[in-house]
């Protein structure tokens, strides 16, 4: 998303990221990667559950994440062991969601060029 953030802004869209990390962790991430958009903390996964993009992380995946140095409980400050699937929602100025993308495979994200094309269509 960082690669197209400026283009989306020029089209009139505002990038808002909702992440399962606690606020302090989100600030670290924004600073580390120089992200300009708005980051909102959903450490209790209420938004992810409401958008129906939350899933329960199984024990094997938790162990694998630990191998990579990822501690879900430390990052979120919670012990629910949930994460959101990659998802994008585009809302119009009226607040109505015009486009939804979600993928149960956490390794697959929407391609930037696809998102730009959809945003261009929604904007019209």
PDB file of N, CA and C in Angstrom:
ATOM      1  N   UNK A   1       0.813  -1.200   0.000  1.00  0.00           N
ATOM      2  CA  UNK A   1       0.000   0.000   0.000  1.00  0.00           C
ATOM      3  C   UNK A   1       0.856   1.263   0.000  1.00  0.00           C
ATOM      4  N   UNK A   2       2.011   1.175   0.631  1.00  0.00           N
ATOM      5  CA  UNK A   2       2.870   2.361   0.662  1.00  0.00           C
ATOM      6  C   UNK A   2       3.221   2.831  -0.740  1.00  0.00           C
ATOM      7  N   UNK A   3       3.378   1.881  -1.664  1.00  0.00           N
ATOM      8  CA  UNK A   3       3.800   2.245  -3.018  1.00  0.00           C
ATOM      9  C   UNK A   3       2.745   3.043  -3.775  1.00  0.00           C
ATOM     10  N   UNK A   4       1.483   2.946  -3.355  1.00  0.00           N
ATOM     11  CA  UNK A   4       0.413   3.669  -4.062  1.00  0.00           C
ATOM     12  C   UNK A   4      -0.324   4.657  -3.162  1.00  0.00           C
ATOM     13  N   UNK A   5       0.161   4.851  -1.961  1.00  0.00           N
ATOM     14  CA  UNK A   5      -0.521   5.741  -1.016  1.00  0.00           C
ATOM     15  C   UNK A   5      -0.689   7.150  -1.588  1.00  0.00           C
ATOM     16  N   UNK A   6       0.357   7.689  -2.193  1.00  0.00           N
ATOM     17  CA  UNK A   6       0.279   9.039  -2.764  1.00  0.00           C
ATOM     18  C   UNK A   6      -0.764   9.098  -3.872  1.00  0.00           C
ATOM     19  N   UNK A   7      -0.776   8.087  -4.741  1.00  0.00           N
ATOM     20  CA  UNK A   7      -1.754   8.057  -5.833  1.00  0.00           C
ATOM     21  C   UNK A   7      -3.182   7.980  -5.294  1.00  0.00           C
ATOM     22  N   UNK A   8      -3.387   7.160  -4.273  1.00  0.00           N
ATOM     23  CA  UNK A   8      -4.724   7.058  -3.675  1.00  0.00           C
ATOM     24  C   UNK A   8      -5.136   8.395  -3.068  1.00  0.00           C
ATOM     25  N   UNK A   9      -4.204   9.058  -2.398  1.00  0.00           N
ATOM     26  CA  UNK A   9      -4.499  10.376  -1.818  1.00  0.00           C
ATOM     27  C   UNK A   9      -4.870  11.378  -2.903  1.00  0.00           C
ATOM     28  N   UNK A  10      -4.136  11.359  -4.015  1.00  0.00           N
ATOM     29  CA  UNK A  10      -4.426  12.270  -5.123  1.00  0.00           C
ATOM     30  C   UNK A  10      -5.792  11.996  -5.746  1.00  0.00           C
ATOM     31  N   UNK A  11      -6.260  10.755  -5.626  1.00  0.00           N
ATOM     32  CA  UNK A  11      -7.583  10.388  -6.137  1.00  0.00           C
ATOM     33  C   UNK A  11      -8.688  10.754  -5.146  1.00  0.00           C
ATOM     34  N   UNK A  12      -8.287  11.223  -3.965  1.00  0.00           N
ATOM     35  CA  UNK A  12      -9.268  11.619  -2.961  1.00  0.00           C
ATOM     36  C   UNK A  12      -9.522  10.590  -1.882  1.00  0.00           C
ATOM     37  N   UNK A  13      -8.733   9.525  -1.868  1.00  0.00           N
ATOM     38  CA  UNK A  13      -8.900   8.488  -0.855  1.00  0.00           C
ATOM     39  C   UNK A  13      -7.923   8.711   0.290  1.00  0.00           C
ATOM     40  N   UNK A  14      -8.322   8.264   1.461  1.00  0.00           N
ATOM     41  CA  UNK A  14      -7.461   8.338   2.634  1.00  0.00           C
ATOM     42  C   UNK A  14      -7.194   6.914   3.092  1.00  0.00           C
ATOM     43  N   UNK A  15      -5.928   6.582   3.273  1.00  0.00           N
ATOM     44  CA  UNK A  15      -5.546   5.250   3.707  1.00  0.00           C
ATOM     45  C   UNK A  15      -5.675   5.157   5.221  1.00  0.00           C
ATOM     46  N   UNK A  16      -6.480   4.208   5.673  1.00  0.00           N
ATOM     47  CA  UNK A  16      -6.648   3.953   7.103  1.00  0.00           C
ATOM     48  C   UNK A  16      -6.378   2.471   7.319  1.00  0.00           C
ATOM     49  N   UNK A  17      -5.383   2.166   8.135  1.00  0.00           N
ATOM     50  CA  UNK A  17      -5.038   0.781   8.426  1.00  0.00           C
ATOM     51  C   UNK A  17      -5.527   0.429   9.824  1.00  0.00           C
ATOM     52  N   UNK A  18      -6.159  -0.726   9.930  1.00  0.00           N
ATOM     53  CA  UNK A  18      -6.594  -1.237  11.228  1.00  0.00           C
ATOM     54  C   UNK A  18      -5.774  -2.496  11.481  1.00  0.00           C
ATOM     55  N   UNK A  19      -5.008  -2.490  12.558  1.00  0.00           N
ATOM     56  CA  UNK A  19      -4.084  -3.583  12.835  1.00  0.00           C
ATOM     57  C   UNK A  19      -4.329  -4.160  14.226  1.00  0.00           C
ATOM     58  N   UNK A  20      -3.957  -5.436  14.424  1.00  0.00           N
ATOM     59  CA  UNK A  20      -4.196  -6.083  15.713  1.00  0.00           C
ATOM     60  C   UNK A  20      -3.191  -5.709  16.795  1.00  0.00           C
ATOM     61  N   UNK A  21      -2.254  -4.845  16.470  1.00  0.00           N
ATOM     62  CA  UNK A  21      -1.233  -4.463  17.444  1.00  0.00           C
ATOM     63  C   UNK A  21      -1.731  -3.378  18.392  1.00  0.00           C
ATOM     64  N   UNK A  22      -1.123  -3.325  19.566  1.00  0.00           N
ATOM     65  CA  UNK A  22      -1.456  -2.265  20.523  1.00  0.00           C
ATOM     66  C   UNK A  22      -0.898  -0.941  19.991  1.00  0.00           C
ATOM     67  N   UNK A  23      -1.417   0.190  20.454  1.00  0.00           N
ATOM     68  CA  UNK A  23      -1.017   1.491  19.911  1.00  0.00           C
ATOM     69  C   UNK A  23       0.493   1.751  19.903  1.00  0.00           C
ATOM     70  N   UNK A  24       1.200   1.400  20.973  1.00  0.00           N
ATOM     71  CA  UNK A  24       2.644   1.653  21.026  1.00  0.00           C
ATOM     72  C   UNK A  24       3.379   0.892  19.923  1.00  0.00           C
ATOM     73  N   UNK A  25       2.948  -0.318  19.665  1.00  0.00           N
ATOM     74  CA  UNK A  25       3.567  -1.139  18.615  1.00  0.00           C
ATOM     75  C   UNK A  25       3.289  -0.534  17.238  1.00  0.00           C
ATOM     76  N   UNK A  26       2.089  -0.002  17.050  1.00  0.00           N
ATOM     77  CA  UNK A  26       1.747   0.634  15.772  1.00  0.00           C
ATOM     78  C   UNK A  26       2.613   1.863  15.514  1.00  0.00           C
ATOM     79  N   UNK A  27       2.852   2.652  16.542  1.00  0.00           N
ATOM     80  CA  UNK A  27       3.724   3.828  16.390  1.00  0.00           C
ATOM     81  C   UNK A  27       5.121   3.405  15.932  1.00  0.00           C
ATOM     82  N   UNK A  28       5.634   2.331  16.536  1.00  0.00           N
ATOM     83  CA  UNK A  28       6.948   1.810  16.144  1.00  0.00           C
ATOM     84  C   UNK A  28       6.951   1.421  14.665  1.00  0.00           C
ATOM     85  N   UNK A  29       5.914   0.744  14.228  1.00  0.00           N
ATOM     86  CA  UNK A  29       5.814   0.294  12.839  1.00  0.00           C
ATOM     87  C   UNK A  29       5.754   1.478  11.885  1.00  0.00           C
ATOM     88  N   UNK A  30       4.930   2.472  12.216  1.00  0.00           N
ATOM     89  CA  UNK A  30       4.824   3.663  11.361  1.00  0.00           C
ATOM     90  C   UNK A  30       6.171   4.356  11.223  1.00  0.00           C
ATOM     91  N   UNK A  31       6.879   4.497  12.328  1.00  0.00           N
ATOM     92  CA  UNK A  31       8.180   5.169  12.300  1.00  0.00           C
ATOM     93  C   UNK A  31       9.217   4.344  11.538  1.00  0.00           C
ATOM     94  N   UNK A  32       9.214   3.047  11.773  1.00  0.00           N
ATOM     95  CA  UNK A  32      10.194   2.163  11.141  1.00  0.00           C
ATOM     96  C   UNK A  32      10.073   2.183   9.622  1.00  0.00           C
ATOM     97  N   UNK A  33       8.829   2.167   9.116  1.00  0.00           N
ATOM     98  CA  UNK A  33       8.611   2.070   7.675  1.00  0.00           C
ATOM     99  C   UNK A  33       8.211   3.396   7.026  1.00  0.00           C
ATOM    100  N   UNK A  34       8.120   4.458   7.798  1.00  0.00           N
ATOM    101  CA  UNK A  34       7.787   5.767   7.240  1.00  0.00           C
ATOM    102  C   UNK A  34       6.407   5.840   6.625  1.00  0.00           C
ATOM    103  N   UNK A  35       5.452   5.187   7.234  1.00  0.00           N
ATOM    104  CA  UNK A  35       4.090   5.153   6.706  1.00  0.00           C
ATOM    105  C   UNK A  35       3.349   6.410   7.140  1.00  0.00           C
ATOM    106  N   UNK A  36       2.647   7.030   6.205  1.00  0.00           N
ATOM    107  CA  UNK A  36       1.969   8.297   6.468  1.00  0.00           C
ATOM    108  C   UNK A  36       0.491   8.141   6.829  1.00  0.00           C
ATOM    109  N   UNK A  37      -0.140   7.065   6.447  1.00  0.00           N
ATOM    110  CA  UNK A  37      -1.576   6.903   6.670  1.00  0.00           C
ATOM    111  C   UNK A  37      -1.943   6.814   8.137  1.00  0.00           C
ATOM    112  N   UNK A  38      -3.215   6.717   8.382  1.00  0.00           N
ATOM    113  CA  UNK A  38      -3.739   6.601   9.745  1.00  0.00           C
ATOM    114  C   UNK A  38      -3.731   5.130  10.149  1.00  0.00           C
ATOM    115  N   UNK A  39      -3.174   4.844  11.308  1.00  0.00           N
ATOM    116  CA  UNK A  39      -3.171   3.490  11.854  1.00  0.00           C
ATOM    117  C   UNK A  39      -4.067   3.466  13.083  1.00  0.00           C
ATOM    118  N   UNK A  40      -4.979   2.523  13.121  1.00  0.00           N
ATOM    119  CA  UNK A  40      -5.861   2.344  14.271  1.00  0.00           C
ATOM    120  C   UNK A  40      -5.589   0.985  14.895  1.00  0.00           C
ATOM    121  N   UNK A  41      -5.563   0.939  16.207  1.00  0.00           N
ATOM    122  CA  UNK A  41      -5.323  -0.305  16.929  1.00  0.00           C
ATOM    123  C   UNK A  41      -6.628  -1.060  17.138  1.00  0.00           C
ATOM    124  N   UNK A  42      -6.588  -2.345  16.816  1.00  0.00           N
ATOM    125  CA  UNK A  42      -7.719  -3.245  17.055  1.00  0.00           C
ATOM    126  C   UNK A  42      -7.200  -4.449  17.839  1.00  0.00           C
ATOM    127  N   UNK A  43      -6.506  -4.170  18.936  1.00  0.00           N
ATOM    128  CA  UNK A  43      -5.843  -5.239  19.682  1.00  0.00           C
ATOM    129  C   UNK A  43      -6.817  -6.264  20.257  1.00  0.00           C
ATOM    130  N   UNK A  44      -8.045  -5.872  20.470  1.00  0.00           N
ATOM    131  CA  UNK A  44      -9.048  -6.834  20.965  1.00  0.00           C
ATOM    132  C   UNK A  44      -9.799  -7.513  19.823  1.00  0.00           C
ATOM    133  N   UNK A  45      -9.483  -7.131  18.591  1.00  0.00           N
ATOM    134  CA  UNK A  45     -10.031  -7.736  17.370  1.00  0.00           C
ATOM    135  C   UNK A  45     -11.522  -7.469  17.164  1.00  0.00           C
ATOM    136  N   UNK A  46     -12.056  -6.448  17.790  1.00  0.00           N
ATOM    137  CA  UNK A  46     -13.483  -6.123  17.641  1.00  0.00           C
ATOM    138  C   UNK A  46     -13.817  -5.717  16.206  1.00  0.00           C
ATOM    139  N   UNK A  47     -12.990  -4.868  15.603  1.00  0.00           N
ATOM    140  CA  UNK A  47     -13.248  -4.443  14.218  1.00  0.00           C
ATOM    141  C   UNK A  47     -13.079  -5.614  13.264  1.00  0.00           C
ATOM    142  N   UNK A  48     -12.020  -6.397  13.444  1.00  0.00           N
ATOM    143  CA  UNK A  48     -11.785  -7.552  12.572  1.00  0.00           C
ATOM    144  C   UNK A  48     -12.952  -8.533  12.647  1.00  0.00           C
ATOM    145  N   UNK A  49     -13.478  -8.740  13.848  1.00  0.00           N
ATOM    146  CA  UNK A  49     -14.632  -9.629  13.990  1.00  0.00           C
ATOM    147  C   UNK A  49     -15.866  -9.025  13.332  1.00  0.00           C
ATOM    148  N   UNK A  50     -16.071  -7.725  13.503  1.00  0.00           N
ATOM    149  CA  UNK A  50     -17.231  -7.064  12.899  1.00  0.00           C
ATOM    150  C   UNK A  50     -17.163  -7.110  11.373  1.00  0.00           C
ATOM    151  N   UNK A  51     -15.960  -6.968  10.815  1.00  0.00           N
ATOM    152  CA  UNK A  51     -15.774  -7.048   9.360  1.00  0.00           C
ATOM    153  C   UNK A  51     -15.666  -8.495   8.876  1.00  0.00           C
ATOM    154  N   UNK A  52     -15.697  -9.432   9.810  1.00  0.00           N
ATOM    155  CA  UNK A  52     -15.627 -10.867   9.515  1.00  0.00           C
ATOM    156  C   UNK A  52     -14.330 -11.270   8.813  1.00  0.00           C
ATOM    157  N   UNK A  53     -13.229 -10.690   9.282  1.00  0.00           N
ATOM    158  CA  UNK A  53     -11.926 -11.043   8.725  1.00  0.00           C
ATOM    159  C   UNK A  53     -10.987 -11.625   9.790  1.00  0.00           C
ATOM    160  N   UNK A  54     -11.491 -11.869  10.993  1.00  0.00           N
ATOM    161  CA  UNK A  54     -10.666 -12.427  12.073  1.00  0.00           C
ATOM    162  C   UNK A  54     -10.617 -13.950  11.968  1.00  0.00           C
ATOM    163  N   UNK A  55      -9.469 -14.499  12.313  1.00  0.00           N
ATOM    164  CA  UNK A  55      -9.375 -15.955  12.400  1.00  0.00           C
ATOM    165  C   UNK A  55      -8.519 -16.329  13.604  1.00  0.00           C
ATOM    166  N   UNK A  56      -8.753 -17.528  14.096  1.00  0.00           N
ATOM    167  CA  UNK A  56      -8.025 -18.054  15.246  1.00  0.00           C
ATOM    168  C   UNK A  56      -6.720 -18.675  14.770  1.00  0.00           C
ATOM    169  N   UNK A  57      -5.616 -18.271  15.359  1.00  0.00           N
ATOM    170  CA  UNK A  57      -4.308 -18.817  15.004  1.00  0.00           C
ATOM    171  C   UNK A  57      -4.114 -20.124  15.765  1.00  0.00           C
ATOM    172  N   UNK A  58      -3.821 -21.205  15.037  1.00  0.00           N
ATOM    173  CA  UNK A  58      -3.654 -22.507  15.687  1.00  0.00           C
ATOM    174  C   UNK A  58      -2.278 -22.606  16.359  1.00  0.00           C
ATOM    175  N   UNK A  59      -2.132 -23.620  17.203  1.00  0.00           N
ATOM    176  CA  UNK A  59      -0.912 -23.788  18.004  1.00  0.00           C
ATOM    177  C   UNK A  59       0.335 -23.938  17.133  1.00  0.00           C
ATOM    178  N   UNK A  60       0.232 -24.687  16.036  1.00  0.00           N
ATOM    179  CA  UNK A  60       1.394 -24.864  15.158  1.00  0.00           C
ATOM    180  C   UNK A  60       1.838 -23.539  14.539  1.00  0.00           C
ATOM    181  N   UNK A  61       0.877 -22.734  14.118  1.00  0.00           N
ATOM    182  CA  UNK A  61       1.209 -21.435  13.527  1.00  0.00           C
ATOM    183  C   UNK A  61       1.815 -20.517  14.578  1.00  0.00           C
ATOM    184  N   UNK A  62       1.293 -20.567  15.806  1.00  0.00           N
ATOM    185  CA  UNK A  62       1.874 -19.762  16.890  1.00  0.00           C
ATOM    186  C   UNK A  62       3.346 -20.106  17.090  1.00  0.00           C
ATOM    187  N   UNK A  63       3.653 -21.406  17.071  1.00  0.00           N
ATOM    188  CA  UNK A  63       5.046 -21.836  17.232  1.00  0.00           C
ATOM    189  C   UNK A  63       5.903 -21.328  16.075  1.00  0.00           C
ATOM    190  N   UNK A  64       5.356 -21.392  14.852  1.00  0.00           N
ATOM    191  CA  UNK A  64       6.102 -20.919  13.685  1.00  0.00           C
ATOM    192  C   UNK A  64       6.351 -19.414  13.764  1.00  0.00           C
ATOM    193  N   UNK A  65       5.348 -18.672  14.215  1.00  0.00           N
ATOM    194  CA  UNK A  65       5.517 -17.226  14.372  1.00  0.00           C
ATOM    195  C   UNK A  65       6.617 -16.914  15.380  1.00  0.00           C
ATOM    196  N   UNK A  66       6.669 -17.698  16.454  1.00  0.00           N
ATOM    197  CA  UNK A  66       7.705 -17.497  17.465  1.00  0.00           C
ATOM    198  C   UNK A  66       9.097 -17.711  16.878  1.00  0.00           C
ATOM    199  N   UNK A  67       9.216 -18.682  15.960  1.00  0.00           N
ATOM    200  CA  UNK A  67      10.498 -18.926  15.289  1.00  0.00           C
ATOM    201  C   UNK A  67      10.948 -17.668  14.548  1.00  0.00           C
ATOM    202  N   UNK A  68       9.989 -16.936  13.985  1.00  0.00           N
ATOM    203  CA  UNK A  68      10.286 -15.694  13.257  1.00  0.00           C
ATOM    204  C   UNK A  68      10.366 -14.476  14.183  1.00  0.00           C
ATOM    205  N   UNK A  69      10.260 -14.714  15.482  1.00  0.00           N
ATOM    206  CA  UNK A  69      10.371 -13.614  16.439  1.00  0.00           C
ATOM    207  C   UNK A  69       9.093 -12.813  16.605  1.00  0.00           C
ATOM    208  N   UNK A  70       7.967 -13.394  16.225  1.00  0.00           N
ATOM    209  CA  UNK A  70       6.679 -12.700  16.335  1.00  0.00           C
ATOM    210  C   UNK A  70       5.928 -13.251  17.538  1.00  0.00           C
ATOM    211  N   UNK A  71       5.645 -12.394  18.494  1.00  0.00           N
ATOM    212  CA  UNK A  71       4.911 -12.759  19.700  1.00  0.00           C
ATOM    213  C   UNK A  71       3.563 -12.044  19.660  1.00  0.00           C
ATOM    214  N   UNK A  72       2.517 -12.772  19.310  1.00  0.00           N
ATOM    215  CA  UNK A  72       1.194 -12.155  19.168  1.00  0.00           C
ATOM    216  C   UNK A  72       0.708 -11.524  20.462  1.00  0.00           C
ATOM    217  N   UNK A  73       0.965 -12.181  21.579  1.00  0.00           N
ATOM    218  CA  UNK A  73       0.509 -11.633  22.857  1.00  0.00           C
ATOM    219  C   UNK A  73       1.236 -10.333  23.184  1.00  0.00           C
ATOM    220  N   UNK A  74       2.520 -10.271  22.905  1.00  0.00           N
ATOM    221  CA  UNK A  74       3.284  -9.044  23.164  1.00  0.00           C
ATOM    222  C   UNK A  74       2.833  -7.931  22.217  1.00  0.00           C
ATOM    223  N   UNK A  75       2.610  -8.278  20.960  1.00  0.00           N
ATOM    224  CA  UNK A  75       2.226  -7.271  19.960  1.00  0.00           C
ATOM    225  C   UNK A  75       0.852  -6.674  20.241  1.00  0.00           C
ATOM    226  N   UNK A  76      -0.099  -7.538  20.615  1.00  0.00           N
ATOM    227  CA  UNK A  76      -1.470  -7.055  20.816  1.00  0.00           C
ATOM    228  C   UNK A  76      -1.768  -6.683  22.263  1.00  0.00           C
ATOM    229  N   UNK A  77      -1.011  -7.260  23.194  1.00  0.00           N
ATOM    230  CA  UNK A  77      -1.322  -7.056  24.604  1.00  0.00           C
ATOM    231  C   UNK A  77      -2.491  -7.920  25.048  1.00  0.00           C
ATOM    232  N   UNK A  78      -2.875  -8.850  24.219  1.00  0.00           N
ATOM    233  CA  UNK A  78      -4.016  -9.735  24.493  1.00  0.00           C
ATOM    234  C   UNK A  78      -3.575 -11.185  24.306  1.00  0.00           C
ATOM    235  N   UNK A  79      -4.396 -12.121  24.790  1.00  0.00           N
ATOM    236  CA  UNK A  79      -4.059 -13.540  24.635  1.00  0.00           C
ATOM    237  C   UNK A  79      -5.085 -14.302  23.800  1.00  0.00           C
ATOM    238  N   UNK A  80      -5.790 -13.616  22.931  1.00  0.00           N
ATOM    239  CA  UNK A  80      -6.834 -14.252  22.122  1.00  0.00           C
ATOM    240  C   UNK A  80      -6.287 -15.060  20.946  1.00  0.00           C
ATOM    241  N   UNK A  81      -5.034 -14.820  20.551  1.00  0.00           N
ATOM    242  CA  UNK A  81      -4.382 -15.520  19.438  1.00  0.00           C
ATOM    243  C   UNK A  81      -5.196 -15.446  18.150  1.00  0.00           C
ATOM    244  N   UNK A  82      -5.640 -14.252  17.821  1.00  0.00           N
ATOM    245  CA  UNK A  82      -6.369 -14.019  16.580  1.00  0.00           C
ATOM    246  C   UNK A  82      -5.598 -13.031  15.710  1.00  0.00           C
ATOM    247  N   UNK A  83      -5.810 -13.166  14.415  1.00  0.00           N
ATOM    248  CA  UNK A  83      -5.261 -12.227  13.442  1.00  0.00           C
ATOM    249  C   UNK A  83      -6.328 -11.952  12.387  1.00  0.00           C
ATOM    250  N   UNK A  84      -6.224 -10.835  11.690  1.00  0.00           N
ATOM    251  CA  UNK A  84      -7.123 -10.598  10.562  1.00  0.00           C
ATOM    252  C   UNK A  84      -6.503 -11.147   9.280  1.00  0.00           C
ATOM    253  N   UNK A  85      -7.339 -11.637   8.370  1.00  0.00           N
ATOM    254  CA  UNK A  85      -6.836 -11.986   7.043  1.00  0.00           C
ATOM    255  C   UNK A  85      -6.554 -10.685   6.302  1.00  0.00           C
ATOM    256  N   UNK A  86      -5.700 -10.709   5.278  1.00  0.00           N
ATOM    257  CA  UNK A  86      -5.476  -9.494   4.494  1.00  0.00           C
ATOM    258  C   UNK A  86      -6.797  -9.018   3.887  1.00  0.00           C
ATOM    259  N   UNK A  87      -7.139  -7.776   4.127  1.00  0.00           N
ATOM    260  CA  UNK A  87      -8.418  -7.249   3.637  1.00  0.00           C
ATOM    261  C   UNK A  87      -8.292  -5.773   3.296  1.00  0.00           C
ATOM    262  N   UNK A  88      -9.069  -5.357   2.304  1.00  0.00           N
ATOM    263  CA  UNK A  88      -9.152  -3.956   1.896  1.00  0.00           C
ATOM    264  C   UNK A  88     -10.623  -3.624   1.701  1.00  0.00           C
ATOM    265  N   UNK A  89     -11.024  -2.486   2.223  1.00  0.00           N
ATOM    266  CA  UNK A  89     -12.384  -1.990   2.031  1.00  0.00           C
ATOM    267  C   UNK A  89     -12.280  -0.583   1.465  1.00  0.00           C
ATOM    268  N   UNK A  90     -13.056  -0.303   0.429  1.00  0.00           N
ATOM    269  CA  UNK A  90     -13.115   1.053  -0.113  1.00  0.00           C
ATOM    270  C   UNK A  90     -14.513   1.580   0.148  1.00  0.00           C
ATOM    271  N   UNK A  91     -14.571   2.681   0.879  1.00  0.00           N
ATOM    272  CA  UNK A  91     -15.860   3.312   1.189  1.00  0.00           C
ATOM    273  C   UNK A  91     -15.985   4.609   0.406  1.00  0.00           C
ATOM    274  N   UNK A  92     -17.205   4.903   0.005  1.00  0.00           N
ATOM    275  CA  UNK A  92     -17.474   6.168  -0.662  1.00  0.00           C
ATOM    276  C   UNK A  92     -17.555   7.290   0.354  1.00  0.00           C
ATOM    277  N   UNK A  93     -17.717   8.507  -0.133  1.00  0.00           N
ATOM    278  CA  UNK A  93     -17.817   9.657   0.765  1.00  0.00           C
ATOM    279  C   UNK A  93     -19.060   9.577   1.642  1.00  0.00           C
ATOM    280  N   UNK A  94     -20.018   8.734   1.242  1.00  0.00           N
ATOM    281  CA  UNK A  94     -21.230   8.543   2.034  1.00  0.00           C
ATOM    282  C   UNK A  94     -21.043   7.488   3.123  1.00  0.00           C
ATOM    283  N   UNK A  95     -19.843   6.884   3.189  1.00  0.00           N
ATOM    284  CA  UNK A  95     -19.561   5.876   4.201  1.00  0.00           C
ATOM    285  C   UNK A  95     -19.971   4.469   3.810  1.00  0.00           C
ATOM    286  N   UNK A  96     -20.579   4.305   2.647  1.00  0.00           N
ATOM    287  CA  UNK A  96     -21.014   2.987   2.189  1.00  0.00           C
ATOM    288  C   UNK A  96     -19.826   2.267   1.543  1.00  0.00           C
ATOM    289  N   UNK A  97     -19.618   1.024   1.951  1.00  0.00           N
ATOM    290  CA  UNK A  97     -18.517   0.241   1.391  1.00  0.00           C
ATOM    291  C   UNK A  97     -18.857  -0.129  -0.050  1.00  0.00           C
ATOM    292  N   UNK A  98     -17.967   0.258  -0.966  1.00  0.00           N
ATOM    293  CA  UNK A  98     -18.168   0.039  -2.396  1.00  0.00           C
ATOM    294  C   UNK A  98     -17.380  -1.156  -2.927  1.00  0.00           C
ATOM    295  N   UNK A  99     -16.335  -1.555  -2.201  1.00  0.00           N
ATOM    296  CA  UNK A  99     -15.474  -2.647  -2.658  1.00  0.00           C
ATOM    297  C   UNK A  99     -14.884  -3.342  -1.444  1.00  0.00           C
ATOM    298  N   UNK A 100     -14.812  -4.667  -1.537  1.00  0.00           N
ATOM    299  CA  UNK A 100     -14.219  -5.474  -0.473  1.00  0.00           C
ATOM    300  C   UNK A 100     -13.268  -6.491  -1.084  1.00  0.00           C
ATOM    301  N   UNK A 101     -12.116  -6.621  -0.486  1.00  0.00           N
ATOM    302  CA  UNK A 101     -11.164  -7.673  -0.850  1.00  0.00           C
ATOM    303  C   UNK A 101     -10.719  -8.328   0.446  1.00  0.00           C
ATOM    304  N   UNK A 102     -10.790  -9.643   0.501  1.00  0.00           N
ATOM    305  CA  UNK A 102     -10.276 -10.396   1.646  1.00  0.00           C
ATOM    306  C   UNK A 102      -9.766 -11.729   1.127  1.00  0.00           C
ATOM    307  N   UNK A 103      -8.669 -12.195   1.690  1.00  0.00           N
ATOM    308  CA  UNK A 103      -8.099 -13.458   1.257  1.00  0.00           C
ATOM    309  C   UNK A 103      -7.727 -14.276   2.482  1.00  0.00           C
ATOM    310  N   UNK A 104      -8.258 -15.495   2.588  1.00  0.00           N
ATOM    311  CA  UNK A 104      -7.939 -16.322   3.754  1.00  0.00           C
ATOM    312  C   UNK A 104      -6.474 -16.760   3.806  1.00  0.00           C
ATOM    313  N   UNK A 105      -5.760 -16.639   2.692  1.00  0.00           N
ATOM    314  CA  UNK A 105      -4.331 -16.947   2.673  1.00  0.00           C
ATOM    315  C   UNK A 105      -3.573 -15.680   3.067  1.00  0.00           C
ATOM    316  N   UNK A 106      -3.026 -15.666   4.273  1.00  0.00           N
ATOM    317  CA  UNK A 106      -2.393 -14.452   4.791  1.00  0.00           C
ATOM    318  C   UNK A 106      -1.186 -14.002   3.966  1.00  0.00           C
ATOM    319  N   UNK A 107      -0.681 -14.857   3.088  1.00  0.00           N
ATOM    320  CA  UNK A 107       0.476 -14.479   2.274  1.00  0.00           C
ATOM    321  C   UNK A 107       0.078 -13.740   0.996  1.00  0.00           C
ATOM    322  N   UNK A 108      -1.220 -13.691   0.707  1.00  0.00           N
ATOM    323  CA  UNK A 108      -1.693 -13.070  -0.537  1.00  0.00           C
ATOM    324  C   UNK A 108      -2.364 -11.739  -0.225  1.00  0.00           C
ATOM    325  N   UNK A 109      -1.847 -10.690  -0.830  1.00  0.00           N
ATOM    326  CA  UNK A 109      -2.401  -9.341  -0.671  1.00  0.00           C
ATOM    327  C   UNK A 109      -2.930  -8.871  -2.020  1.00  0.00           C
ATOM    328  N   UNK A 110      -3.808  -7.887  -1.999  1.00  0.00           N
ATOM    329  CA  UNK A 110      -4.290  -7.307  -3.245  1.00  0.00           C
ATOM    330  C   UNK A 110      -3.112  -6.619  -3.944  1.00  0.00           C
ATOM    331  N   UNK A 111      -3.029  -6.782  -5.255  1.00  0.00           N
ATOM    332  CA  UNK A 111      -1.962  -6.136  -6.021  1.00  0.00           C
ATOM    333  C   UNK A 111      -2.231  -4.637  -6.099  1.00  0.00           C
ATOM    334  N   UNK A 112      -1.206  -3.818  -5.926  1.00  0.00           N
ATOM    335  CA  UNK A 112      -1.396  -2.365  -5.955  1.00  0.00           C
ATOM    336  C   UNK A 112      -2.098  -1.868  -7.215  1.00  0.00           C
ATOM    337  N   UNK A 113      -1.730  -2.417  -8.375  1.00  0.00           N
ATOM    338  CA  UNK A 113      -2.358  -1.963  -9.618  1.00  0.00           C
ATOM    339  C   UNK A 113      -3.844  -2.312  -9.668  1.00  0.00           C
ATOM    340  N   UNK A 114      -4.221  -3.438  -9.055  1.00  0.00           N
ATOM    341  CA  UNK A 114      -5.634  -3.810  -8.991  1.00  0.00           C
ATOM    342  C   UNK A 114      -6.392  -2.835  -8.089  1.00  0.00           C
ATOM    343  N   UNK A 115      -5.797  -2.506  -6.951  1.00  0.00           N
ATOM    344  CA  UNK A 115      -6.442  -1.578  -6.029  1.00  0.00           C
ATOM    345  C   UNK A 115      -6.615  -0.200  -6.670  1.00  0.00           C
ATOM    346  N   UNK A 116      -5.607   0.259  -7.390  1.00  0.00           N
ATOM    347  CA  UNK A 116      -5.718   1.551  -8.079  1.00  0.00           C
ATOM    348  C   UNK A 116      -6.835   1.527  -9.122  1.00  0.00           C
ATOM    349  N   UNK A 117      -6.939   0.423  -9.860  1.00  0.00           N
ATOM    350  CA  UNK A 117      -7.990   0.307 -10.877  1.00  0.00           C
ATOM    351  C   UNK A 117      -9.370   0.342 -10.234  1.00  0.00           C
ATOM    352  N   UNK A 118      -9.538  -0.395  -9.152  1.00  0.00           N
ATOM    353  CA  UNK A 118     -10.826  -0.413  -8.454  1.00  0.00           C
ATOM    354  C   UNK A 118     -11.131   0.966  -7.878  1.00  0.00           C
ATOM    355  N   UNK A 119     -10.140   1.592  -7.275  1.00  0.00           N
ATOM    356  CA  UNK A 119     -10.339   2.927  -6.698  1.00  0.00           C
ATOM    357  C   UNK A 119     -10.777   3.913  -7.775  1.00  0.00           C
ATOM    358  N   UNK A 120     -10.180   3.803  -8.951  1.00  0.00           N
ATOM    359  CA  UNK A 120     -10.568   4.676 -10.055  1.00  0.00           C
ATOM    360  C   UNK A 120     -12.007   4.469 -10.472  1.00  0.00           C
ATOM    361  N   UNK A 121     -12.462   3.226 -10.438  1.00  0.00           N
ATOM    362  CA  UNK A 121     -13.848   2.912 -10.789  1.00  0.00           C
ATOM    363  C   UNK A 121     -14.810   3.408  -9.717  1.00  0.00           C
ATOM    364  N   UNK A 122     -14.460   3.200  -8.466  1.00  0.00           N
ATOM    365  CA  UNK A 122     -15.315   3.624  -7.352  1.00  0.00           C
ATOM    366  C   UNK A 122     -15.443   5.143  -7.322  1.00  0.00           C
ATOM    367  N   UNK A 123     -14.369   5.818  -7.643  1.00  0.00           N
ATOM    368  CA  UNK A 123     -14.338   7.280  -7.595  1.00  0.00           C
ATOM    369  C   UNK A 123     -15.287   7.920  -8.597  1.00  0.00           C
ATOM    370  N   UNK A 124     -15.551   7.249  -9.704  1.00  0.00           N
ATOM    371  CA  UNK A 124     -16.367   7.844 -10.779  1.00  0.00           C
ATOM    372  C   UNK A 124     -17.822   7.932 -10.426  1.00  0.00           C
TER     373      UNK A 124
END
